[in-house]
Amino acid sequence: MKKILLMLVVAAAAGYGLLSYHFILFDNNLKIIKKTGIRYEDTFVDARGVKKLGLALKPELIAAGINDVIGQIDGPVKKPQEIK
């Protein structure tokens, strides 16, 4: 009985830990960002290829700091310069 209770506590702690972070798979690496709240939404996110723009539009990911992570991976977004 003690083993079952211990396994349930460990499983609950692991589930809580997984739901507290965004796991974002980019082309070459995996980034982990702390969530602003504990929810199932956007726990595991696929950002390979051109899906990065879609990430920058999700309010929960913006609050968690996805724009900073995309900037670290692709470099800072530069504003277009005027043509003279």
Protein backbone atom coordinates (compact mmCIF):
# COMPACT_ATOMS: atom_id res chain seq x y z
CA MET A 1 0.00 0.00 0.00
CA LYS A 2 2.85 2.37 0.82
CA LYS A 3 4.47 1.70 -2.56
CA ILE A 4 1.27 2.51 -4.42
CA LEU A 5 0.79 5.71 -2.47
CA LEU A 6 4.42 6.70 -3.10
CA MET A 7 4.05 6.00 -6.84
CA LEU A 8 0.87 8.11 -6.97
CA VAL A 9 2.61 11.01 -5.23
CA VAL A 10 5.58 10.78 -7.63
CA ALA A 11 3.25 10.62 -10.66
CA ALA A 12 1.28 13.64 -9.43
CA ALA A 13 4.49 15.62 -8.90
CA ALA A 14 5.74 14.70 -12.38
CA GLY A 15 2.41 15.71 -13.93
CA TYR A 16 2.45 19.01 -12.05
CA GLY A 17 5.98 19.64 -13.26
CA LEU A 18 5.12 18.88 -16.87
CA LEU A 19 2.10 21.17 -16.84
CA SER A 20 4.16 24.04 -15.40
CA TYR A 21 6.38 24.42 -18.48
CA HIS A 22 6.12 24.91 -22.25
CA PHE A 23 8.27 22.41 -24.17
CA ILE A 24 8.95 23.95 -27.58
CA LEU A 25 10.64 21.92 -30.32
CA PHE A 26 12.56 24.12 -32.77
CA ASP A 27 14.53 22.96 -35.82
CA ASN A 28 17.76 22.21 -33.97
CA ASN A 29 16.88 22.18 -30.28
CA LEU A 30 14.28 22.01 -27.54
CA LYS A 31 13.50 25.06 -25.40
CA ILE A 32 11.71 24.98 -22.06
CA ILE A 33 9.82 28.06 -20.86
CA LYS A 34 8.05 28.51 -17.52
CA LYS A 35 4.29 28.90 -17.97
CA THR A 36 2.33 31.74 -16.42
CA GLY A 37 -0.28 29.27 -15.16
CA ILE A 38 -0.76 25.52 -14.90
CA ARG A 39 -2.74 24.38 -17.93
CA TYR A 40 -2.58 21.63 -20.50
CA GLU A 41 -2.71 24.13 -23.41
CA ASP A 42 0.55 24.53 -25.34
CA THR A 43 2.53 22.21 -23.09
CA PHE A 44 4.21 20.54 -26.06
CA VAL A 45 4.61 22.81 -29.09
CA ASP A 46 6.10 22.00 -32.50
CA ALA A 47 7.88 25.08 -33.92
CA ARG A 48 9.84 23.49 -36.73
CA GLY A 49 9.91 25.28 -40.04
CA VAL A 50 7.68 28.31 -40.59
CA LYS A 51 5.41 27.67 -37.59
CA LYS A 52 7.28 30.29 -35.52
CA LEU A 53 4.98 33.09 -36.65
CA GLY A 54 2.01 31.18 -35.25
CA LEU A 55 3.80 30.94 -31.90
CA ALA A 56 4.30 34.69 -31.76
CA LEU A 57 0.53 35.16 -32.01
CA LYS A 58 -0.51 32.96 -29.06
CA PRO A 59 -1.22 35.12 -25.98
CA GLU A 60 -0.15 32.49 -23.43
CA LEU A 61 3.19 31.94 -25.15
CA ILE A 62 3.76 35.69 -25.48
CA ALA A 63 3.21 36.11 -21.74
CA ALA A 64 5.70 33.30 -21.08
CA GLY A 65 8.35 35.03 -23.24
CA ILE A 66 8.33 33.18 -26.57
CA ASN A 67 9.39 36.30 -28.47
CA ASP A 68 12.66 36.42 -26.53
CA VAL A 69 13.32 32.75 -27.27
CA ILE A 70 12.63 33.20 -30.99
CA GLY A 71 14.96 36.20 -30.95
CA GLN A 72 17.72 34.11 -29.37
CA ILE A 73 17.35 31.38 -31.97
CA ASP A 74 16.85 33.43 -35.15
CA GLY A 75 18.55 36.62 -34.04
CA PRO A 76 16.77 39.87 -33.23
CA VAL A 77 14.07 41.03 -35.57
CA LYS A 78 15.26 44.15 -37.34
CA LYS A 79 13.00 46.97 -38.40
CA PRO A 80 12.98 47.66 -42.14
CA GLN A 81 15.07 50.64 -43.16
CA GLU A 82 13.85 53.40 -45.39
CA ILE A 83 15.12 53.41 -48.93
CA LYS A 84 16.59 56.77 -49.87
